[in-house]
Amino acid sequence: MNIFNNNAKFKGVLGIILILVTITSIYFWENYGRQEFTYTDVIVFKEDVPENKIVKEKMLGVMKLESSTLIDDVITDPNEIIGK
């Protein structure tokens, strides 16, 4: 009978450990992992830009956007548009 008693304690402790690992994993995924793996840094304008104005670095900012919502050939390097 002692073998079954230790086995039941082991299963109980293992169950609690798995629950804690799952909760911790969800917390880190929601706070850190999702942005690191599914978001992309995209170059955006900080303000409206009038027509025929040369783009300068101080006019640009960076936003993290979900990769699945982006258009094709999105600009991720500010040097592609600075000076144009």
PDB file of N, CA and C in Angstrom:
ATOM      1  N   MET A   1       0.803  -1.200   0.000  1.00  0.00           N
ATOM      2  CA  MET A   1       0.000   0.000   0.000  1.00  0.00           C
ATOM      3  C   MET A   1       0.847   1.266   0.000  1.00  0.00           C
ATOM      4  N   ASN A   2       2.038   1.199   0.548  1.00  0.00           N
ATOM      5  CA  ASN A   2       2.889   2.362   0.631  1.00  0.00           C
ATOM      6  C   ASN A   2       3.298   2.859  -0.753  1.00  0.00           C
ATOM      7  N   ILE A   3       3.451   1.968  -1.706  1.00  0.00           N
ATOM      8  CA  ILE A   3       3.816   2.348  -3.067  1.00  0.00           C
ATOM      9  C   ILE A   3       2.730   3.226  -3.682  1.00  0.00           C
ATOM     10  N   PHE A   4       1.470   2.877  -3.489  1.00  0.00           N
ATOM     11  CA  PHE A   4       0.365   3.661  -4.060  1.00  0.00           C
ATOM     12  C   PHE A   4       0.258   5.017  -3.398  1.00  0.00           C
ATOM     13  N   ASN A   5       0.539   5.102  -2.108  1.00  0.00           N
ATOM     14  CA  ASN A   5       0.452   6.355  -1.380  1.00  0.00           C
ATOM     15  C   ASN A   5       1.502   7.343  -1.898  1.00  0.00           C
ATOM     16  N   ASN A   6       2.738   6.885  -2.085  1.00  0.00           N
ATOM     17  CA  ASN A   6       3.788   7.752  -2.614  1.00  0.00           C
ATOM     18  C   ASN A   6       3.494   8.153  -4.051  1.00  0.00           C
ATOM     19  N   ASN A   7       2.930   7.262  -4.823  1.00  0.00           N
ATOM     20  CA  ASN A   7       2.583   7.545  -6.206  1.00  0.00           C
ATOM     21  C   ASN A   7       1.500   8.628  -6.274  1.00  0.00           C
ATOM     22  N   ALA A   8       0.538   8.576  -5.377  1.00  0.00           N
ATOM     23  CA  ALA A   8      -0.527   9.578  -5.352  1.00  0.00           C
ATOM     24  C   ALA A   8       0.037  10.940  -4.958  1.00  0.00           C
ATOM     25  N   LYS A   9       0.946  10.981  -3.996  1.00  0.00           N
ATOM     26  CA  LYS A   9       1.581  12.247  -3.609  1.00  0.00           C
ATOM     27  C   LYS A   9       2.385  12.818  -4.766  1.00  0.00           C
ATOM     28  N   PHE A  10       3.117  11.942  -5.456  1.00  0.00           N
ATOM     29  CA  PHE A  10       3.911  12.371  -6.608  1.00  0.00           C
ATOM     30  C   PHE A  10       3.026  12.981  -7.691  1.00  0.00           C
ATOM     31  N   LYS A  11       1.915  12.324  -7.988  1.00  0.00           N
ATOM     32  CA  LYS A  11       0.988  12.833  -9.004  1.00  0.00           C
ATOM     33  C   LYS A  11       0.394  14.176  -8.582  1.00  0.00           C
ATOM     34  N   GLY A  12       0.090  14.328  -7.309  1.00  0.00           N
ATOM     35  CA  GLY A  12      -0.455  15.589  -6.808  1.00  0.00           C
ATOM     36  C   GLY A  12       0.539  16.728  -6.940  1.00  0.00           C
ATOM     37  N   VAL A  13       1.786  16.468  -6.523  1.00  0.00           N
ATOM     38  CA  VAL A  13       2.835  17.486  -6.625  1.00  0.00           C
ATOM     39  C   VAL A  13       3.116  17.806  -8.092  1.00  0.00           C
ATOM     40  N   LEU A  14       3.180  16.782  -8.918  1.00  0.00           N
ATOM     41  CA  LEU A  14       3.416  16.991 -10.345  1.00  0.00           C
ATOM     42  C   LEU A  14       2.285  17.817 -10.970  1.00  0.00           C
ATOM     43  N   GLY A  15       1.059  17.556 -10.585  1.00  0.00           N
ATOM     44  CA  GLY A  15      -0.081  18.326 -11.089  1.00  0.00           C
ATOM     45  C   GLY A  15       0.006  19.790 -10.716  1.00  0.00           C
ATOM     46  N   ILE A  16       0.374  20.067  -9.475  1.00  0.00           N
ATOM     47  CA  ILE A  16       0.513  21.466  -9.028  1.00  0.00           C
ATOM     48  C   ILE A  16       1.647  22.157  -9.767  1.00  0.00           C
ATOM     49  N   ILE A  17       2.755  21.456  -9.962  1.00  0.00           N
ATOM     50  CA  ILE A  17       3.885  22.030 -10.697  1.00  0.00           C
ATOM     51  C   ILE A  17       3.474  22.348 -12.137  1.00  0.00           C
ATOM     52  N   LEU A  18       2.765  21.444 -12.780  1.00  0.00           N
ATOM     53  CA  LEU A  18       2.325  21.684 -14.159  1.00  0.00           C
ATOM     54  C   LEU A  18       1.372  22.870 -14.248  1.00  0.00           C
ATOM     55  N   ILE A  19       0.486  23.022 -13.290  1.00  0.00           N
ATOM     56  CA  ILE A  19      -0.424  24.170 -13.276  1.00  0.00           C
ATOM     57  C   ILE A  19       0.358  25.467 -13.122  1.00  0.00           C
ATOM     58  N   LEU A  20       1.337  25.490 -12.217  1.00  0.00           N
ATOM     59  CA  LEU A  20       2.148  26.692 -12.027  1.00  0.00           C
ATOM     60  C   LEU A  20       2.974  27.026 -13.263  1.00  0.00           C
ATOM     61  N   VAL A  21       3.541  26.017 -13.900  1.00  0.00           N
ATOM     62  CA  VAL A  21       4.313  26.240 -15.129  1.00  0.00           C
ATOM     63  C   VAL A  21       3.412  26.785 -16.233  1.00  0.00           C
ATOM     64  N   THR A  22       2.204  26.269 -16.339  1.00  0.00           N
ATOM     65  CA  THR A  22       1.264  26.734 -17.358  1.00  0.00           C
ATOM     66  C   THR A  22       0.875  28.189 -17.127  1.00  0.00           C
ATOM     67  N   ILE A  23       0.556  28.539 -15.901  1.00  0.00           N
ATOM     68  CA  ILE A  23       0.177  29.921 -15.580  1.00  0.00           C
ATOM     69  C   ILE A  23       1.342  30.868 -15.839  1.00  0.00           C
ATOM     70  N   THR A  24       2.541  30.475 -15.441  1.00  0.00           N
ATOM     71  CA  THR A  24       3.731  31.302 -15.680  1.00  0.00           C
ATOM     72  C   THR A  24       3.994  31.463 -17.176  1.00  0.00           C
ATOM     73  N   SER A  25       3.848  30.399 -17.938  1.00  0.00           N
ATOM     74  CA  SER A  25       4.066  30.459 -19.387  1.00  0.00           C
ATOM     75  C   SER A  25       3.071  31.389 -20.055  1.00  0.00           C
ATOM     76  N   ILE A  26       1.825  31.308 -19.677  1.00  0.00           N
ATOM     77  CA  ILE A  26       0.806  32.202 -20.254  1.00  0.00           C
ATOM     78  C   ILE A  26       1.130  33.647 -19.923  1.00  0.00           C
ATOM     79  N   TYR A  27       1.529  33.932 -18.692  1.00  0.00           N
ATOM     80  CA  TYR A  27       1.877  35.294 -18.286  1.00  0.00           C
ATOM     81  C   TYR A  27       3.015  35.838 -19.149  1.00  0.00           C
ATOM     82  N   PHE A  28       4.097  35.073 -19.296  1.00  0.00           N
ATOM     83  CA  PHE A  28       5.232  35.551 -20.087  1.00  0.00           C
ATOM     84  C   PHE A  28       4.889  35.666 -21.569  1.00  0.00           C
ATOM     85  N   TRP A  29       4.075  34.780 -22.100  1.00  0.00           N
ATOM     86  CA  TRP A  29       3.678  34.874 -23.504  1.00  0.00           C
ATOM     87  C   TRP A  29       2.885  36.148 -23.751  1.00  0.00           C
ATOM     88  N   GLU A  30       1.916  36.437 -22.890  1.00  0.00           N
ATOM     89  CA  GLU A  30       1.068  37.609 -23.074  1.00  0.00           C
ATOM     90  C   GLU A  30       1.834  38.912 -22.885  1.00  0.00           C
ATOM     91  N   ASN A  31       2.818  38.932 -22.011  1.00  0.00           N
ATOM     92  CA  ASN A  31       3.527  40.178 -21.717  1.00  0.00           C
ATOM     93  C   ASN A  31       4.800  40.384 -22.534  1.00  0.00           C
ATOM     94  N   TYR A  32       5.439  39.324 -22.966  1.00  0.00           N
ATOM     95  CA  TYR A  32       6.708  39.466 -23.669  1.00  0.00           C
ATOM     96  C   TYR A  32       6.762  38.703 -24.993  1.00  0.00           C
ATOM     97  N   GLY A  33       6.358  37.478 -24.999  1.00  0.00           N
ATOM     98  CA  GLY A  33       6.525  36.601 -26.159  1.00  0.00           C
ATOM     99  C   GLY A  33       5.742  37.011 -27.380  1.00  0.00           C
ATOM    100  N   ARG A  34       4.487  37.389 -27.187  1.00  0.00           N
ATOM    101  CA  ARG A  34       3.641  37.736 -28.333  1.00  0.00           C
ATOM    102  C   ARG A  34       4.258  38.872 -29.142  1.00  0.00           C
ATOM    103  N   GLN A  35       4.711  39.929 -28.471  1.00  0.00           N
ATOM    104  CA  GLN A  35       5.297  41.052 -29.202  1.00  0.00           C
ATOM    105  C   GLN A  35       6.611  40.681 -29.869  1.00  0.00           C
ATOM    106  N   GLU A  36       7.390  39.848 -29.239  1.00  0.00           N
ATOM    107  CA  GLU A  36       8.675  39.463 -29.814  1.00  0.00           C
ATOM    108  C   GLU A  36       8.533  38.578 -31.047  1.00  0.00           C
ATOM    109  N   PHE A  37       7.533  37.715 -31.061  1.00  0.00           N
ATOM    110  CA  PHE A  37       7.426  36.733 -32.129  1.00  0.00           C
ATOM    111  C   PHE A  37       6.385  37.054 -33.194  1.00  0.00           C
ATOM    112  N   THR A  38       5.364  37.856 -32.892  1.00  0.00           N
ATOM    113  CA  THR A  38       4.305  38.086 -33.874  1.00  0.00           C
ATOM    114  C   THR A  38       4.159  39.542 -34.288  1.00  0.00           C
ATOM    115  N   TYR A  39       4.980  40.441 -33.738  1.00  0.00           N
ATOM    116  CA  TYR A  39       4.893  41.853 -34.092  1.00  0.00           C
ATOM    117  C   TYR A  39       6.152  42.273 -34.844  1.00  0.00           C
ATOM    118  N   THR A  40       6.004  43.290 -35.700  1.00  0.00           N
ATOM    119  CA  THR A  40       7.101  43.808 -36.492  1.00  0.00           C
ATOM    120  C   THR A  40       7.210  45.314 -36.267  1.00  0.00           C
ATOM    121  N   ASP A  41       8.440  45.828 -36.166  1.00  0.00           N
ATOM    122  CA  ASP A  41       8.651  47.271 -36.064  1.00  0.00           C
ATOM    123  C   ASP A  41       8.444  47.883 -37.440  1.00  0.00           C
ATOM    124  N   VAL A  42       7.565  48.886 -37.510  1.00  0.00           N
ATOM    125  CA  VAL A  42       7.223  49.529 -38.771  1.00  0.00           C
ATOM    126  C   VAL A  42       7.484  51.029 -38.640  1.00  0.00           C
ATOM    127  N   ILE A  43       7.987  51.634 -39.714  1.00  0.00           N
ATOM    128  CA  ILE A  43       8.247  53.067 -39.725  1.00  0.00           C
ATOM    129  C   ILE A  43       6.946  53.802 -40.037  1.00  0.00           C
ATOM    130  N   VAL A  44       6.637  54.820 -39.219  1.00  0.00           N
ATOM    131  CA  VAL A  44       5.433  55.631 -39.411  1.00  0.00           C
ATOM    132  C   VAL A  44       5.804  57.107 -39.293  1.00  0.00           C
ATOM    133  N   PHE A  45       4.940  57.962 -39.842  1.00  0.00           N
ATOM    134  CA  PHE A  45       5.117  59.396 -39.677  1.00  0.00           C
ATOM    135  C   PHE A  45       4.518  59.822 -38.347  1.00  0.00           C
ATOM    136  N   LYS A  46       5.182  60.742 -37.640  1.00  0.00           N
ATOM    137  CA  LYS A  46       4.676  61.243 -36.365  1.00  0.00           C
ATOM    138  C   LYS A  46       3.542  62.239 -36.568  1.00  0.00           C
ATOM    139  N   GLU A  47       3.492  62.858 -37.738  1.00  0.00           N
ATOM    140  CA  GLU A  47       2.499  63.899 -38.023  1.00  0.00           C
ATOM    141  C   GLU A  47       2.144  63.858 -39.504  1.00  0.00           C
ATOM    142  N   ASP A  48       1.129  64.609 -39.888  1.00  0.00           N
ATOM    143  CA  ASP A  48       0.775  64.696 -41.303  1.00  0.00           C
ATOM    144  C   ASP A  48       1.899  65.389 -42.057  1.00  0.00           C
ATOM    145  N   VAL A  49       2.167  64.895 -43.259  1.00  0.00           N
ATOM    146  CA  VAL A  49       3.248  65.446 -44.068  1.00  0.00           C
ATOM    147  C   VAL A  49       2.638  66.048 -45.328  1.00  0.00           C
ATOM    148  N   PRO A  50       2.867  67.345 -45.549  1.00  0.00           N
ATOM    149  CA  PRO A  50       2.324  67.965 -46.765  1.00  0.00           C
ATOM    150  C   PRO A  50       3.014  67.427 -48.018  1.00  0.00           C
ATOM    151  N   GLU A  51       2.353  67.605 -49.120  1.00  0.00           N
ATOM    152  CA  GLU A  51       2.883  67.134 -50.403  1.00  0.00           C
ATOM    153  C   GLU A  51       4.173  67.871 -50.737  1.00  0.00           C
ATOM    154  N   ASN A  52       5.093  67.181 -51.408  1.00  0.00           N
ATOM    155  CA  ASN A  52       6.383  67.719 -51.865  1.00  0.00           C
ATOM    156  C   ASN A  52       7.304  68.153 -50.730  1.00  0.00           C
ATOM    157  N   LYS A  53       7.168  67.607 -49.552  1.00  0.00           N
ATOM    158  CA  LYS A  53       8.066  67.913 -48.438  1.00  0.00           C
ATOM    159  C   LYS A  53       9.084  66.781 -48.318  1.00  0.00           C
ATOM    160  N   ILE A  54      10.331  67.128 -48.102  1.00  0.00           N
ATOM    161  CA  ILE A  54      11.392  66.134 -47.967  1.00  0.00           C
ATOM    162  C   ILE A  54      11.297  65.479 -46.594  1.00  0.00           C
ATOM    163  N   VAL A  55      11.372  64.165 -46.587  1.00  0.00           N
ATOM    164  CA  VAL A  55      11.245  63.397 -45.351  1.00  0.00           C
ATOM    165  C   VAL A  55      12.558  63.457 -44.572  1.00  0.00           C
ATOM    166  N   LYS A  56      12.444  63.845 -43.299  1.00  0.00           N
ATOM    167  CA  LYS A  56      13.612  63.897 -42.410  1.00  0.00           C
ATOM    168  C   LYS A  56      13.425  62.895 -41.286  1.00  0.00           C
ATOM    169  N   GLU A  57      14.526  62.518 -40.667  1.00  0.00           N
ATOM    170  CA  GLU A  57      14.487  61.485 -39.635  1.00  0.00           C
ATOM    171  C   GLU A  57      13.609  61.886 -38.450  1.00  0.00           C
ATOM    172  N   LYS A  58      13.577  63.163 -38.107  1.00  0.00           N
ATOM    173  CA  LYS A  58      12.787  63.599 -36.953  1.00  0.00           C
ATOM    174  C   LYS A  58      11.277  63.514 -37.204  1.00  0.00           C
ATOM    175  N   MET A  59      10.873  63.305 -38.451  1.00  0.00           N
ATOM    176  CA  MET A  59       9.457  63.184 -38.804  1.00  0.00           C
ATOM    177  C   MET A  59       8.946  61.749 -38.634  1.00  0.00           C
ATOM    178  N   LEU A  60       9.864  60.810 -38.408  1.00  0.00           N
ATOM    179  CA  LEU A  60       9.505  59.399 -38.391  1.00  0.00           C
ATOM    180  C   LEU A  60       9.491  58.833 -36.973  1.00  0.00           C
ATOM    181  N   GLY A  61       8.697  57.804 -36.798  1.00  0.00           N
ATOM    182  CA  GLY A  61       8.642  57.069 -35.540  1.00  0.00           C
ATOM    183  C   GLY A  61       8.554  55.578 -35.838  1.00  0.00           C
ATOM    184  N   VAL A  62       8.565  54.784 -34.796  1.00  0.00           N
ATOM    185  CA  VAL A  62       8.491  53.330 -34.942  1.00  0.00           C
ATOM    186  C   VAL A  62       7.299  52.824 -34.138  1.00  0.00           C
ATOM    187  N   MET A  63       6.501  51.957 -34.761  1.00  0.00           N
ATOM    188  CA  MET A  63       5.380  51.305 -34.080  1.00  0.00           C
ATOM    189  C   MET A  63       5.529  49.802 -34.235  1.00  0.00           C
ATOM    190  N   LYS A  64       5.105  49.073 -33.219  1.00  0.00           N
ATOM    191  CA  LYS A  64       5.049  47.612 -33.310  1.00  0.00           C
ATOM    192  C   LYS A  64       3.637  47.245 -33.747  1.00  0.00           C
ATOM    193  N   LEU A  65       3.530  46.547 -34.877  1.00  0.00           N
ATOM    194  CA  LEU A  65       2.238  46.121 -35.399  1.00  0.00           C
ATOM    195  C   LEU A  65       2.265  44.619 -35.639  1.00  0.00           C
ATOM    196  N   GLU A  66       1.105  44.012 -35.527  1.00  0.00           N
ATOM    197  CA  GLU A  66       1.000  42.569 -35.740  1.00  0.00           C
ATOM    198  C   GLU A  66       1.334  42.243 -37.196  1.00  0.00           C
ATOM    199  N   SER A  67       2.216  41.305 -37.394  1.00  0.00           N
ATOM    200  CA  SER A  67       2.718  40.971 -38.726  1.00  0.00           C
ATOM    201  C   SER A  67       1.611  40.551 -39.689  1.00  0.00           C
ATOM    202  N   SER A  68       0.590  39.884 -39.204  1.00  0.00           N
ATOM    203  CA  SER A  68      -0.469  39.394 -40.081  1.00  0.00           C
ATOM    204  C   SER A  68      -1.359  40.514 -40.617  1.00  0.00           C
ATOM    205  N   THR A  69      -1.290  41.717 -40.045  1.00  0.00           N
ATOM    206  CA  THR A  69      -2.134  42.824 -40.494  1.00  0.00           C
ATOM    207  C   THR A  69      -1.410  43.776 -41.437  1.00  0.00           C
ATOM    208  N   LEU A  70      -0.138  43.528 -41.703  1.00  0.00           N
ATOM    209  CA  LEU A  70       0.658  44.439 -42.517  1.00  0.00           C
ATOM    210  C   LEU A  70       0.486  44.169 -44.010  1.00  0.00           C
ATOM    211  N   ILE A  71       0.666  45.229 -44.788  1.00  0.00           N
ATOM    212  CA  ILE A  71       0.631  45.094 -46.245  1.00  0.00           C
ATOM    213  C   ILE A  71       1.965  44.522 -46.722  1.00  0.00           C
ATOM    214  N   ASP A  72       2.014  44.132 -47.987  1.00  0.00           N
ATOM    215  CA  ASP A  72       3.274  43.646 -48.562  1.00  0.00           C
ATOM    216  C   ASP A  72       4.252  44.803 -48.682  1.00  0.00           C
ATOM    217  N   ASP A  73       5.521  44.524 -48.559  1.00  0.00           N
ATOM    218  CA  ASP A  73       6.600  45.500 -48.707  1.00  0.00           C
ATOM    219  C   ASP A  73       6.468  46.678 -47.751  1.00  0.00           C
ATOM    220  N   VAL A  74       6.124  46.420 -46.517  1.00  0.00           N
ATOM    221  CA  VAL A  74       6.039  47.471 -45.511  1.00  0.00           C
ATOM    222  C   VAL A  74       7.444  47.998 -45.232  1.00  0.00           C
ATOM    223  N   ILE A  75       7.557  49.276 -44.904  1.00  0.00           N
ATOM    224  CA  ILE A  75       8.862  49.895 -44.672  1.00  0.00           C
ATOM    225  C   ILE A  75       9.286  49.657 -43.223  1.00  0.00           C
ATOM    226  N   THR A  76      10.426  48.985 -43.064  1.00  0.00           N
ATOM    227  CA  THR A  76      10.960  48.712 -41.735  1.00  0.00           C
ATOM    228  C   THR A  76      12.299  49.411 -41.510  1.00  0.00           C
ATOM    229  N   ASP A  77      12.858  49.977 -42.566  1.00  0.00           N
ATOM    230  CA  ASP A  77      14.136  50.667 -42.473  1.00  0.00           C
ATOM    231  C   ASP A  77      13.915  52.150 -42.791  1.00  0.00           C
ATOM    232  N   PRO A  78      14.170  53.056 -41.852  1.00  0.00           N
ATOM    233  CA  PRO A  78      13.919  54.474 -42.113  1.00  0.00           C
ATOM    234  C   PRO A  78      14.777  55.049 -43.245  1.00  0.00           C
ATOM    235  N   ASN A  79      15.922  54.442 -43.506  1.00  0.00           N
ATOM    236  CA  ASN A  79      16.807  54.952 -44.562  1.00  0.00           C
ATOM    237  C   ASN A  79      16.183  54.799 -45.953  1.00  0.00           C
ATOM    238  N   GLU A  80      15.162  53.967 -46.073  1.00  0.00           N
ATOM    239  CA  GLU A  80      14.492  53.796 -47.373  1.00  0.00           C
ATOM    240  C   GLU A  80      13.715  55.042 -47.790  1.00  0.00           C
ATOM    241  N   ILE A  81      13.286  55.858 -46.833  1.00  0.00           N
ATOM    242  CA  ILE A  81      12.447  57.017 -47.190  1.00  0.00           C
ATOM    243  C   ILE A  81      13.028  58.353 -46.761  1.00  0.00           C
ATOM    244  N   ILE A  82      14.072  58.363 -45.947  1.00  0.00           N
ATOM    245  CA  ILE A  82      14.674  59.641 -45.535  1.00  0.00           C
ATOM    246  C   ILE A  82      15.294  60.304 -46.764  1.00  0.00           C
ATOM    247  N   GLY A  83      14.970  61.560 -46.968  1.00  0.00           N
ATOM    248  CA  GLY A  83      15.510  62.335 -48.074  1.00  0.00           C
ATOM    249  C   GLY A  83      14.661  62.295 -49.319  1.00  0.00           C
ATOM    250  N   LYS A  84      13.569  61.594 -49.299  1.00  0.00           N
ATOM    251  CA  LYS A  84      12.719  61.510 -50.488  1.00  0.00           C
ATOM    252  C   LYS A  84      11.581  62.491 -50.374  1.00  0.00           C
TER     253      LYS A  84
END
